[in-house]
Structure formats: C-alpha cells, structure tokens
Amino acid sequence: MDAELTPQDQKRIEESIRGKYVKVAVSPEGLFRYPTGRAGLEALHYDPQIIPDLPEQVAAAYCGVGNPFSLGPIQPGETVLDIGCGAGVDSLIAARMVGPSGSVRGIDLVPEMLNRAKENARLVGAENVEFTEGSAQELPFPDASFDVVISNGVFNLVVDKVKALEEVMRVLKPGGRFMIADQVLAGELPKETRARVENWAR
C-alpha cells in the first residue's frame, strides 16, 4: 500500500496525526477508545512496584495500547530507544529499569508531546533520559546504538513501515531486542486509496 501513496497523501496523514497529538499532549482523556492515564497503566499490568511512584501528572499522560515491558526484562545499564515516545511515560519507566548506569532516548514527531515528556522527566527527576524530535523512518542515531528498542501504539501510524523496521534493526546492537505493542487491522482495507488515507488520517 505504501507505494500507492502520493507525497500529498503522506502529508495529509502526518498532519492529521500531528493535529491529534497536539491535543493529546494536553490530556489524552476522552481521545481514545481504551483506558488512558493511571487506569490504562493498571489495566495493562504495568509493574506495580513502579506505577504507584509516578506523580499523577505523569501517569495521567499515558495513552499506550499495550505494555511493551511484558515482552521481557530490561536490565540495569542497558541503552533503550523509545520510538514515538509521546509524553514519555514508557521512557521514564524504562529509565527507572536501566538505572543510573543506563540511558534512554525518546523520539517523537510532535514538539508539544516532547515538551510534555521533558516536563514529566523533570517531575520524576530522571537524569538518564533524553528526548529528541524525529521520525521512526529516519532515526537520528548511529548503527548499533541500543540494547532495546520499545514502541507503543506507534507503528500503526507510520506511513513507511518497512523503512521504519529497517531503521529499528539498524540501530539495535547485535542480539538487541525490539519490544513493540501496537494495533493491527482485523478486517479488510478499503479498496480505494483515498478512502484508506482518510481512514488512516482519522
């Protein structure tokens, strides 16, 4: 499907996504069909030893579709990349897991979300996490930079998924892990490209 999209189609999708997540940066409440905030973290069984320690303002910013940390442990001292970090809740949880000897980088397309992430990092006093503006399709990091790449509800929004997955493999160290939670299409795609773009943009 990606090959059928024109540059104008891709711009329409990206602008719609940016527009929605400018609102999410203020509050995700009521903008998704699944629980957000602390209720979402609890429903997805995030670590009960970590979640209670999150300030309410930080927990309230959560809007993930799943729990990438359920796919395996993250060890102290590891380097982690969070693609589509949004308000940074998963990044901050990963930062707690890797400890002061590890580091976390979060990347997102929406400046307003990155500003919220930076404020959340300040609220929890996280000094081993950094947030950068950028695209999953062109990760601004050298080859073999990370032990773990996480992503939560982002790849379903990416236009060129093949390119984004290639980028994940490029920045992972040999033997690194890709821990992704996302949504998948259960039915059929609309046959017309225009209908697909409008559905994607919504």
N, C-alpha and C. Protein backbone atom coordinates (compact mmCIF):
# COMPACT_ATOMS: atom_id res chain seq x y z
N MET A 1 0.81 -1.20 0.00
CA MET A 1 0.00 0.00 0.00
C MET A 1 0.85 1.26 0.00
N ASP A 2 2.00 1.23 0.66
CA ASP A 2 2.82 2.42 0.77
C ASP A 2 3.17 3.02 -0.59
N ALA A 3 3.42 2.14 -1.59
CA ALA A 3 3.84 2.61 -2.90
C ALA A 3 2.73 3.40 -3.59
N GLU A 4 1.45 3.19 -3.18
CA GLU A 4 0.34 3.87 -3.81
C GLU A 4 0.13 5.26 -3.25
N LEU A 5 0.75 5.59 -2.16
CA LEU A 5 0.54 6.89 -1.53
C LEU A 5 1.38 7.96 -2.20
N THR A 6 0.74 9.06 -2.52
CA THR A 6 1.46 10.20 -3.08
C THR A 6 2.08 11.01 -1.93
N PRO A 7 3.01 11.92 -2.25
CA PRO A 7 3.53 12.81 -1.20
C PRO A 7 2.42 13.60 -0.51
N GLN A 8 1.37 13.97 -1.28
CA GLN A 8 0.26 14.70 -0.69
C GLN A 8 -0.51 13.82 0.29
N ASP A 9 -0.67 12.52 -0.05
CA ASP A 9 -1.32 11.58 0.86
C ASP A 9 -0.55 11.48 2.17
N GLN A 10 0.77 11.32 2.05
CA GLN A 10 1.60 11.18 3.24
C GLN A 10 1.53 12.44 4.09
N LYS A 11 1.52 13.62 3.43
CA LYS A 11 1.44 14.88 4.18
C LYS A 11 0.11 14.97 4.91
N ARG A 12 -0.98 14.55 4.27
CA ARG A 12 -2.32 14.57 4.89
C ARG A 12 -2.33 13.70 6.13
N ILE A 13 -1.77 12.50 6.04
CA ILE A 13 -1.73 11.58 7.18
C ILE A 13 -0.92 12.17 8.32
N GLU A 14 0.28 12.65 8.00
CA GLU A 14 1.16 13.18 9.03
C GLU A 14 0.57 14.42 9.71
N GLU A 15 -0.08 15.30 8.93
CA GLU A 15 -0.68 16.50 9.51
C GLU A 15 -1.84 16.12 10.44
N SER A 16 -2.61 15.12 10.07
CA SER A 16 -3.72 14.69 10.91
C SER A 16 -3.22 14.09 12.21
N ILE A 17 -2.16 13.29 12.12
CA ILE A 17 -1.59 12.68 13.32
C ILE A 17 -1.04 13.77 14.24
N ARG A 18 -0.31 14.71 13.66
CA ARG A 18 0.24 15.81 14.47
C ARG A 18 -0.89 16.58 15.16
N GLY A 19 -1.96 16.86 14.40
CA GLY A 19 -3.07 17.62 14.96
C GLY A 19 -3.71 16.92 16.15
N LYS A 20 -3.88 15.61 16.05
CA LYS A 20 -4.47 14.87 17.17
C LYS A 20 -3.56 14.89 18.38
N TYR A 21 -2.26 14.68 18.15
CA TYR A 21 -1.37 14.53 19.30
C TYR A 21 -0.97 15.86 19.93
N VAL A 22 -1.24 16.96 19.27
CA VAL A 22 -1.15 18.26 19.94
C VAL A 22 -2.18 18.30 21.07
N LYS A 23 -3.38 17.75 20.80
CA LYS A 23 -4.42 17.68 21.83
C LYS A 23 -4.05 16.68 22.92
N VAL A 24 -3.48 15.54 22.52
CA VAL A 24 -3.09 14.51 23.49
C VAL A 24 -2.04 15.04 24.45
N ALA A 25 -1.18 15.93 23.97
CA ALA A 25 -0.14 16.50 24.82
C ALA A 25 -0.73 17.25 26.01
N VAL A 26 -1.92 17.80 25.82
CA VAL A 26 -2.61 18.47 26.92
C VAL A 26 -3.24 17.44 27.85
N SER A 27 -3.99 16.50 27.27
CA SER A 27 -4.58 15.39 28.03
C SER A 27 -5.12 14.36 27.05
N PRO A 28 -4.82 13.05 27.28
CA PRO A 28 -5.34 12.02 26.39
C PRO A 28 -6.76 11.59 26.73
N GLU A 29 -7.29 12.09 27.84
CA GLU A 29 -8.60 11.64 28.31
C GLU A 29 -9.68 11.92 27.28
N GLY A 30 -10.45 10.88 26.94
CA GLY A 30 -11.56 11.01 26.00
C GLY A 30 -11.18 10.99 24.54
N LEU A 31 -9.89 10.84 24.22
CA LEU A 31 -9.46 10.87 22.82
C LEU A 31 -9.19 9.48 22.24
N PHE A 32 -9.32 8.44 23.07
CA PHE A 32 -9.06 7.07 22.63
C PHE A 32 -10.18 6.14 23.09
N ARG A 33 -10.26 4.99 22.47
CA ARG A 33 -11.31 4.02 22.80
C ARG A 33 -10.89 3.06 23.91
N TYR A 34 -9.74 3.28 24.47
CA TYR A 34 -9.23 2.41 25.53
C TYR A 34 -8.82 3.27 26.71
N PRO A 35 -8.63 2.66 27.89
CA PRO A 35 -8.29 3.45 29.07
C PRO A 35 -6.94 4.15 28.91
N THR A 36 -6.86 5.35 29.40
CA THR A 36 -5.61 6.10 29.40
C THR A 36 -5.28 6.48 30.85
N GLY A 37 -4.18 7.17 31.02
CA GLY A 37 -3.80 7.59 32.35
C GLY A 37 -3.45 6.43 33.26
N ARG A 38 -3.60 6.62 34.55
CA ARG A 38 -3.27 5.57 35.52
C ARG A 38 -4.14 4.33 35.32
N ALA A 39 -5.40 4.53 34.92
CA ALA A 39 -6.29 3.39 34.66
C ALA A 39 -5.75 2.52 33.54
N GLY A 40 -5.17 3.15 32.51
CA GLY A 40 -4.58 2.38 31.42
C GLY A 40 -3.37 1.59 31.86
N LEU A 41 -2.51 2.21 32.66
CA LEU A 41 -1.33 1.53 33.18
C LEU A 41 -1.72 0.31 34.02
N GLU A 42 -2.73 0.48 34.83
CA GLU A 42 -3.18 -0.63 35.68
C GLU A 42 -3.84 -1.74 34.86
N ALA A 43 -4.66 -1.35 33.88
CA ALA A 43 -5.35 -2.34 33.04
C ALA A 43 -4.37 -3.18 32.24
N LEU A 44 -3.22 -2.59 31.87
CA LEU A 44 -2.23 -3.29 31.06
C LEU A 44 -1.14 -3.95 31.92
N HIS A 45 -1.35 -3.95 33.21
CA HIS A 45 -0.48 -4.67 34.16
C HIS A 45 0.97 -4.20 34.12
N TYR A 46 1.15 -2.88 34.12
CA TYR A 46 2.49 -2.35 34.31
C TYR A 46 2.98 -2.69 35.72
N ASP A 47 4.29 -2.68 35.89
CA ASP A 47 4.90 -3.09 37.15
C ASP A 47 4.29 -2.34 38.35
N PRO A 48 3.64 -3.07 39.27
CA PRO A 48 3.01 -2.40 40.41
C PRO A 48 4.01 -1.81 41.40
N GLN A 49 5.29 -2.11 41.22
CA GLN A 49 6.30 -1.51 42.07
C GLN A 49 6.77 -0.16 41.54
N ILE A 50 6.45 0.12 40.26
CA ILE A 50 6.86 1.38 39.63
C ILE A 50 5.71 2.36 39.51
N ILE A 51 4.54 1.88 39.09
CA ILE A 51 3.42 2.76 38.77
C ILE A 51 2.99 3.64 39.93
N PRO A 52 2.89 3.11 41.14
CA PRO A 52 2.46 4.00 42.24
C PRO A 52 3.39 5.17 42.50
N ASP A 53 4.64 5.06 42.08
CA ASP A 53 5.61 6.13 42.31
C ASP A 53 5.49 7.27 41.31
N LEU A 54 4.73 7.07 40.23
CA LEU A 54 4.60 8.12 39.22
C LEU A 54 3.71 9.24 39.72
N PRO A 55 4.16 10.50 39.65
CA PRO A 55 3.27 11.62 40.00
C PRO A 55 2.00 11.58 39.15
N GLU A 56 0.91 12.07 39.69
CA GLU A 56 -0.36 12.00 38.98
C GLU A 56 -0.30 12.67 37.62
N GLN A 57 0.40 13.79 37.51
CA GLN A 57 0.50 14.49 36.23
C GLN A 57 1.20 13.63 35.18
N VAL A 58 2.17 12.83 35.60
CA VAL A 58 2.89 11.94 34.68
C VAL A 58 2.00 10.77 34.28
N ALA A 59 1.43 10.09 35.26
CA ALA A 59 0.57 8.94 34.96
C ALA A 59 -0.61 9.34 34.08
N ALA A 60 -1.15 10.53 34.29
CA ALA A 60 -2.31 10.99 33.52
C ALA A 60 -2.00 11.14 32.04
N ALA A 61 -0.72 11.27 31.68
CA ALA A 61 -0.32 11.47 30.29
C ALA A 61 -0.23 10.17 29.50
N TYR A 62 -0.39 9.02 30.15
CA TYR A 62 -0.21 7.73 29.47
C TYR A 62 -1.36 7.46 28.50
N CYS A 63 -1.02 7.02 27.27
CA CYS A 63 -2.05 6.65 26.29
C CYS A 63 -1.58 5.50 25.40
N GLY A 64 -0.91 4.51 25.99
CA GLY A 64 -0.43 3.37 25.21
C GLY A 64 -1.51 2.35 24.93
N VAL A 65 -1.29 1.53 23.89
CA VAL A 65 -2.25 0.48 23.53
C VAL A 65 -1.90 -0.86 24.17
N GLY A 66 -0.71 -0.97 24.73
CA GLY A 66 -0.27 -2.22 25.32
C GLY A 66 0.89 -1.97 26.25
N ASN A 67 1.49 -3.06 26.72
CA ASN A 67 2.60 -2.98 27.66
C ASN A 67 3.83 -3.63 27.06
N PRO A 68 4.71 -2.85 26.42
CA PRO A 68 5.89 -3.45 25.80
C PRO A 68 6.81 -4.14 26.79
N PHE A 69 6.76 -3.75 28.05
CA PHE A 69 7.64 -4.34 29.06
C PHE A 69 7.21 -5.75 29.44
N SER A 70 6.00 -6.15 29.01
CA SER A 70 5.55 -7.52 29.27
C SER A 70 6.28 -8.53 28.39
N LEU A 71 7.04 -8.04 27.39
CA LEU A 71 7.70 -8.93 26.44
C LEU A 71 9.08 -9.40 26.90
N GLY A 72 9.56 -8.88 28.01
CA GLY A 72 10.86 -9.32 28.50
C GLY A 72 11.48 -8.28 29.40
N PRO A 73 12.49 -8.67 30.15
CA PRO A 73 13.11 -7.74 31.11
C PRO A 73 14.01 -6.73 30.42
N ILE A 74 14.13 -5.57 31.04
CA ILE A 74 15.14 -4.58 30.69
C ILE A 74 16.08 -4.50 31.87
N GLN A 75 17.37 -4.60 31.60
CA GLN A 75 18.36 -4.77 32.65
C GLN A 75 19.04 -3.44 33.01
N PRO A 76 19.50 -3.33 34.25
CA PRO A 76 20.29 -2.15 34.63
C PRO A 76 21.50 -1.98 33.71
N GLY A 77 21.79 -0.75 33.33
CA GLY A 77 22.94 -0.46 32.49
C GLY A 77 22.66 -0.51 31.00
N GLU A 78 21.47 -0.94 30.58
CA GLU A 78 21.19 -1.04 29.15
C GLU A 78 20.82 0.32 28.56
N THR A 79 20.95 0.41 27.23
CA THR A 79 20.54 1.59 26.48
C THR A 79 19.23 1.28 25.77
N VAL A 80 18.26 2.19 25.89
CA VAL A 80 16.92 1.94 25.37
C VAL A 80 16.49 3.10 24.49
N LEU A 81 15.85 2.79 23.36
CA LEU A 81 15.23 3.79 22.49
C LEU A 81 13.72 3.58 22.52
N ASP A 82 12.97 4.66 22.76
CA ASP A 82 11.51 4.62 22.74
C ASP A 82 11.04 5.39 21.51
N ILE A 83 10.54 4.66 20.50
CA ILE A 83 10.09 5.27 19.25
C ILE A 83 8.64 5.71 19.40
N GLY A 84 8.40 7.00 19.12
CA GLY A 84 7.07 7.55 19.33
C GLY A 84 6.79 7.69 20.81
N CYS A 85 7.72 8.30 21.53
CA CYS A 85 7.67 8.33 22.99
C CYS A 85 6.53 9.13 23.55
N GLY A 86 5.93 10.02 22.74
CA GLY A 86 4.82 10.80 23.23
C GLY A 86 5.20 11.60 24.47
N ALA A 87 4.36 11.51 25.51
CA ALA A 87 4.60 12.24 26.75
C ALA A 87 5.67 11.60 27.62
N GLY A 88 6.26 10.52 27.15
CA GLY A 88 7.44 9.97 27.79
C GLY A 88 7.21 9.01 28.94
N VAL A 89 5.99 8.54 29.14
CA VAL A 89 5.74 7.67 30.29
C VAL A 89 6.51 6.36 30.18
N ASP A 90 6.45 5.71 29.02
CA ASP A 90 7.23 4.47 28.85
C ASP A 90 8.73 4.74 28.96
N SER A 91 9.18 5.86 28.42
CA SER A 91 10.61 6.21 28.52
C SER A 91 11.03 6.33 29.98
N LEU A 92 10.19 6.95 30.80
CA LEU A 92 10.53 7.15 32.20
C LEU A 92 10.51 5.85 32.98
N ILE A 93 9.60 4.95 32.60
CA ILE A 93 9.58 3.63 33.23
C ILE A 93 10.84 2.86 32.84
N ALA A 94 11.23 2.94 31.57
CA ALA A 94 12.47 2.29 31.13
C ALA A 94 13.68 2.89 31.83
N ALA A 95 13.67 4.20 32.04
CA ALA A 95 14.78 4.87 32.73
C ALA A 95 14.92 4.34 34.16
N ARG A 96 13.81 4.09 34.79
CA ARG A 96 13.83 3.51 36.14
C ARG A 96 14.43 2.10 36.10
N MET A 97 14.10 1.34 35.06
CA MET A 97 14.59 -0.03 34.95
C MET A 97 16.10 -0.10 34.68
N VAL A 98 16.60 0.79 33.82
CA VAL A 98 18.03 0.72 33.47
C VAL A 98 18.91 1.34 34.54
N GLY A 99 18.32 2.21 35.37
CA GLY A 99 19.08 2.81 36.46
C GLY A 99 20.09 3.84 35.98
N PRO A 100 20.84 4.40 36.91
CA PRO A 100 21.79 5.48 36.57
C PRO A 100 22.92 5.05 35.66
N SER A 101 23.20 3.75 35.58
CA SER A 101 24.26 3.28 34.69
C SER A 101 23.77 3.06 33.26
N GLY A 102 22.46 3.16 33.04
CA GLY A 102 21.88 3.01 31.71
C GLY A 102 21.35 4.34 31.20
N SER A 103 20.77 4.31 30.00
CA SER A 103 20.23 5.54 29.43
C SER A 103 19.07 5.22 28.50
N VAL A 104 18.20 6.22 28.34
CA VAL A 104 17.02 6.09 27.49
C VAL A 104 16.93 7.31 26.59
N ARG A 105 16.62 7.06 25.31
CA ARG A 105 16.35 8.15 24.38
C ARG A 105 14.92 7.97 23.87
N GLY A 106 14.14 9.03 23.94
CA GLY A 106 12.80 9.03 23.38
C GLY A 106 12.76 9.90 22.14
N ILE A 107 12.04 9.45 21.11
CA ILE A 107 11.94 10.21 19.87
C ILE A 107 10.47 10.33 19.48
N ASP A 108 10.08 11.52 19.01
CA ASP A 108 8.69 11.75 18.61
C ASP A 108 8.66 12.87 17.57
N LEU A 109 7.58 12.87 16.76
CA LEU A 109 7.43 13.87 15.71
C LEU A 109 6.78 15.17 16.20
N VAL A 110 6.11 15.11 17.34
CA VAL A 110 5.26 16.23 17.76
C VAL A 110 5.94 17.02 18.87
N PRO A 111 6.34 18.27 18.59
CA PRO A 111 7.05 19.07 19.60
C PRO A 111 6.29 19.22 20.90
N GLU A 112 4.97 19.36 20.81
CA GLU A 112 4.17 19.52 22.03
C GLU A 112 4.25 18.28 22.92
N MET A 113 4.29 17.10 22.31
CA MET A 113 4.44 15.87 23.09
C MET A 113 5.82 15.81 23.74
N LEU A 114 6.85 16.23 23.00
CA LEU A 114 8.20 16.24 23.56
C LEU A 114 8.32 17.22 24.72
N ASN A 115 7.64 18.35 24.61
CA ASN A 115 7.66 19.30 25.73
C ASN A 115 7.02 18.68 26.97
N ARG A 116 5.92 17.95 26.77
CA ARG A 116 5.27 17.27 27.90
C ARG A 116 6.20 16.20 28.47
N ALA A 117 6.90 15.48 27.60
CA ALA A 117 7.83 14.43 28.05
C ALA A 117 8.95 15.03 28.89
N LYS A 118 9.49 16.15 28.44
CA LYS A 118 10.57 16.79 29.18
C LYS A 118 10.10 17.28 30.54
N GLU A 119 8.87 17.81 30.59
CA GLU A 119 8.32 18.24 31.87
C GLU A 119 8.09 17.04 32.79
N ASN A 120 7.61 15.93 32.21
CA ASN A 120 7.41 14.72 33.02
C ASN A 120 8.74 14.20 33.57
N ALA A 121 9.79 14.26 32.76
CA ALA A 121 11.11 13.83 33.24
C ALA A 121 11.58 14.71 34.38
N ARG A 122 11.30 16.00 34.28
CA ARG A 122 11.66 16.91 35.36
C ARG A 122 10.91 16.57 36.64
N LEU A 123 9.63 16.23 36.49
CA LEU A 123 8.81 15.93 37.67
C LEU A 123 9.29 14.70 38.42
N VAL A 124 9.80 13.71 37.68
CA VAL A 124 10.26 12.49 38.36
C VAL A 124 11.76 12.53 38.66
N GLY A 125 12.45 13.59 38.21
CA GLY A 125 13.87 13.72 38.47
C GLY A 125 14.73 12.75 37.69
N ALA A 126 14.28 12.37 36.49
CA ALA A 126 15.02 11.41 35.66
C ALA A 126 16.15 12.12 34.93
N GLU A 127 17.39 11.74 35.22
CA GLU A 127 18.55 12.36 34.60
C GLU A 127 19.19 11.49 33.52
N ASN A 128 18.68 10.27 33.35
CA ASN A 128 19.27 9.35 32.38
C ASN A 128 18.38 9.17 31.15
N VAL A 129 17.53 10.16 30.87
CA VAL A 129 16.64 10.10 29.71
C VAL A 129 16.72 11.42 28.95
N GLU A 130 16.66 11.31 27.61
CA GLU A 130 16.73 12.48 26.74
C GLU A 130 15.71 12.32 25.63
N PHE A 131 15.07 13.43 25.26
CA PHE A 131 14.02 13.39 24.24
C PHE A 131 14.43 14.21 23.01
N THR A 132 14.16 13.63 21.82
CA THR A 132 14.61 14.20 20.56
C THR A 132 13.47 14.20 19.55
N GLU A 133 13.35 15.27 18.77
CA GLU A 133 12.36 15.29 17.69
C GLU A 133 12.89 14.52 16.50
N GLY A 134 12.06 13.65 15.92
CA GLY A 134 12.49 12.88 14.76
C GLY A 134 11.46 11.84 14.36
N SER A 135 11.73 11.19 13.24
CA SER A 135 10.81 10.22 12.64
C SER A 135 11.31 8.79 12.79
N ALA A 136 10.37 7.87 12.97
CA ALA A 136 10.71 6.44 13.01
C ALA A 136 11.33 5.99 11.70
N GLN A 137 11.03 6.69 10.61
CA GLN A 137 11.54 6.32 9.29
C GLN A 137 12.96 6.80 9.04
N GLU A 138 13.46 7.70 9.89
CA GLU A 138 14.83 8.21 9.75
C GLU A 138 15.37 8.47 11.16
N LEU A 139 15.74 7.42 11.86
CA LEU A 139 16.21 7.57 13.23
C LEU A 139 17.57 8.28 13.26
N PRO A 140 17.69 9.33 14.05
CA PRO A 140 18.93 10.13 14.06
C PRO A 140 19.99 9.57 15.02
N PHE A 141 20.27 8.28 14.87
CA PHE A 141 21.24 7.62 15.76
C PHE A 141 22.17 6.73 14.93
N PRO A 142 23.39 6.52 15.41
CA PRO A 142 24.32 5.64 14.69
C PRO A 142 23.88 4.18 14.73
N ASP A 143 24.46 3.39 13.86
CA ASP A 143 24.22 1.95 13.87
C ASP A 143 24.58 1.36 15.23
N ALA A 144 23.85 0.31 15.61
CA ALA A 144 24.16 -0.48 16.81
C ALA A 144 24.30 0.39 18.06
N SER A 145 23.31 1.25 18.28
CA SER A 145 23.36 2.18 19.41
C SER A 145 22.62 1.68 20.66
N PHE A 146 21.67 0.76 20.49
CA PHE A 146 20.76 0.44 21.59
C PHE A 146 20.66 -1.06 21.86
N ASP A 147 20.54 -1.39 23.15
CA ASP A 147 20.28 -2.77 23.54
C ASP A 147 18.82 -3.14 23.30
N VAL A 148 17.92 -2.18 23.50
CA VAL A 148 16.48 -2.42 23.40
C VAL A 148 15.82 -1.26 22.69
N VAL A 149 14.90 -1.57 21.78
CA VAL A 149 14.01 -0.57 21.20
C VAL A 149 12.59 -0.91 21.63
N ILE A 150 11.87 0.07 22.19
CA ILE A 150 10.48 -0.14 22.55
C ILE A 150 9.61 0.79 21.72
N SER A 151 8.34 0.42 21.55
CA SER A 151 7.38 1.27 20.85
C SER A 151 5.99 0.85 21.29
N ASN A 152 5.10 1.83 21.44
CA ASN A 152 3.78 1.55 21.98
C ASN A 152 2.72 2.33 21.21
N GLY A 153 2.02 1.61 20.31
CA GLY A 153 0.93 2.23 19.57
C GLY A 153 1.36 3.22 18.53
N VAL A 154 2.54 3.02 17.94
CA VAL A 154 3.10 4.00 17.02
C VAL A 154 3.22 3.47 15.59
N PHE A 155 3.65 2.23 15.42
CA PHE A 155 3.91 1.72 14.08
C PHE A 155 2.66 1.63 13.22
N ASN A 156 1.49 1.52 13.83
CA ASN A 156 0.26 1.54 13.03
C ASN A 156 0.05 2.90 12.36
N LEU A 157 0.69 3.95 12.89
CA LEU A 157 0.56 5.29 12.32
C LEU A 157 1.65 5.62 11.31
N VAL A 158 2.72 4.83 11.29
CA VAL A 158 3.86 5.11 10.42
C VAL A 158 3.49 4.80 8.96
N VAL A 159 3.82 5.72 8.05
CA VAL A 159 3.47 5.53 6.65
C VAL A 159 4.31 4.42 6.02
N ASP A 160 5.64 4.51 6.13
CA ASP A 160 6.53 3.52 5.52
C ASP A 160 7.04 2.58 6.62
N LYS A 161 6.25 1.55 6.89
CA LYS A 161 6.58 0.63 7.98
C LYS A 161 7.83 -0.18 7.70
N VAL A 162 8.06 -0.53 6.44
CA VAL A 162 9.26 -1.30 6.09
C VAL A 162 10.51 -0.48 6.41
N LYS A 163 10.51 0.77 6.02
CA LYS A 163 11.65 1.64 6.30
C LYS A 163 11.86 1.80 7.80
N ALA A 164 10.77 1.97 8.54
CA ALA A 164 10.88 2.14 9.98
C ALA A 164 11.44 0.88 10.64
N LEU A 165 11.01 -0.29 10.19
CA LEU A 165 11.54 -1.53 10.76
C LEU A 165 13.02 -1.71 10.40
N GLU A 166 13.39 -1.31 9.20
CA GLU A 166 14.80 -1.36 8.82
C GLU A 166 15.63 -0.46 9.74
N GLU A 167 15.09 0.69 10.08
CA GLU A 167 15.78 1.61 10.98
C GLU A 167 15.93 1.01 12.38
N VAL A 168 14.89 0.33 12.85
CA VAL A 168 14.99 -0.35 14.15
C VAL A 168 16.13 -1.34 14.14
N MET A 169 16.18 -2.18 13.11
CA MET A 169 17.24 -3.19 13.04
C MET A 169 18.62 -2.56 12.93
N ARG A 170 18.69 -1.41 12.27
CA ARG A 170 19.97 -0.73 12.11
C ARG A 170 20.53 -0.22 13.44
N VAL A 171 19.65 0.37 14.25
CA VAL A 171 20.15 0.99 15.49
C VAL A 171 20.28 0.01 16.65
N LEU A 172 19.73 -1.19 16.50
CA LEU A 172 19.88 -2.20 17.55
C LEU A 172 21.27 -2.81 17.51
N LYS A 173 21.83 -3.05 18.69
CA LYS A 173 23.08 -3.78 18.79
C LYS A 173 22.85 -5.24 18.41
N PRO A 174 23.88 -5.97 18.00
CA PRO A 174 23.72 -7.40 17.76
C PRO A 174 23.13 -8.09 18.98
N GLY A 175 22.09 -8.87 18.78
CA GLY A 175 21.43 -9.53 19.89
C GLY A 175 20.45 -8.64 20.64
N GLY A 176 20.23 -7.40 20.14
CA GLY A 176 19.30 -6.49 20.80
C GLY A 176 17.86 -6.95 20.63
N ARG A 177 16.96 -6.31 21.39
CA ARG A 177 15.55 -6.72 21.40
C ARG A 177 14.65 -5.57 20.97
N PHE A 178 13.63 -5.91 20.18
CA PHE A 178 12.60 -4.96 19.77
C PHE A 178 11.31 -5.36 20.46
N MET A 179 10.83 -4.52 21.37
CA MET A 179 9.66 -4.83 22.19
C MET A 179 8.56 -3.84 21.82
N ILE A 180 7.56 -4.34 21.07
CA ILE A 180 6.55 -3.46 20.49
C ILE A 180 5.15 -3.89 20.92
N ALA A 181 4.33 -2.91 21.28
CA ALA A 181 2.91 -3.11 21.49
C ALA A 181 2.19 -2.23 20.47
N ASP A 182 1.20 -2.79 19.77
CA ASP A 182 0.55 -1.99 18.74
C ASP A 182 -0.81 -2.54 18.39
N GLN A 183 -1.49 -1.81 17.52
CA GLN A 183 -2.78 -2.21 16.99
C GLN A 183 -2.59 -2.80 15.60
N VAL A 184 -3.44 -3.77 15.24
CA VAL A 184 -3.41 -4.34 13.90
C VAL A 184 -4.82 -4.32 13.32
N LEU A 185 -4.88 -4.29 12.01
CA LEU A 185 -6.17 -4.29 11.32
C LEU A 185 -6.73 -5.71 11.27
N ALA A 186 -7.95 -5.89 11.77
CA ALA A 186 -8.57 -7.22 11.78
C ALA A 186 -9.44 -7.44 10.55
N GLY A 187 -9.95 -6.37 9.96
CA GLY A 187 -10.80 -6.50 8.78
C GLY A 187 -10.06 -6.22 7.50
N GLU A 188 -10.79 -5.84 6.46
CA GLU A 188 -10.19 -5.55 5.16
C GLU A 188 -9.96 -4.05 5.01
N LEU A 189 -8.89 -3.71 4.30
CA LEU A 189 -8.63 -2.31 3.97
C LEU A 189 -9.64 -1.83 2.92
N PRO A 190 -10.02 -0.56 2.97
CA PRO A 190 -10.81 -0.02 1.86
C PRO A 190 -10.04 -0.19 0.56
N LYS A 191 -10.74 -0.45 -0.53
CA LYS A 191 -10.08 -0.71 -1.80
C LYS A 191 -9.50 0.56 -2.42
N GLU A 192 -10.18 1.69 -2.23
CA GLU A 192 -9.72 2.93 -2.83
C GLU A 192 -8.66 3.59 -1.95
N THR A 193 -7.58 4.05 -2.58
CA THR A 193 -6.50 4.71 -1.85
C THR A 193 -7.00 5.90 -1.07
N ARG A 194 -7.89 6.72 -1.67
CA ARG A 194 -8.39 7.91 -0.99
C ARG A 194 -9.11 7.53 0.31
N ALA A 195 -9.90 6.48 0.27
CA ALA A 195 -10.62 6.04 1.47
C ALA A 195 -9.63 5.55 2.52
N ARG A 196 -8.56 4.89 2.08
CA ARG A 196 -7.54 4.42 3.02
C ARG A 196 -6.87 5.61 3.72
N VAL A 197 -6.54 6.63 2.94
CA VAL A 197 -5.87 7.79 3.51
C VAL A 197 -6.78 8.48 4.53
N GLU A 198 -8.06 8.65 4.19
CA GLU A 198 -8.97 9.32 5.11
C GLU A 198 -9.15 8.50 6.38
N ASN A 199 -9.24 7.19 6.25
CA ASN A 199 -9.37 6.32 7.42
C ASN A 199 -8.13 6.41 8.29
N TRP A 200 -6.94 6.39 7.66
CA TRP A 200 -5.67 6.49 8.36
C TRP A 200 -5.59 7.83 9.11
N ALA A 201 -5.97 8.90 8.41
CA ALA A 201 -5.88 10.23 8.99
C ALA A 201 -6.82 10.40 10.19
N ARG A 202 -7.95 9.68 10.19
CA ARG A 202 -8.87 9.75 11.33
C ARG A 202 -8.29 9.06 12.55
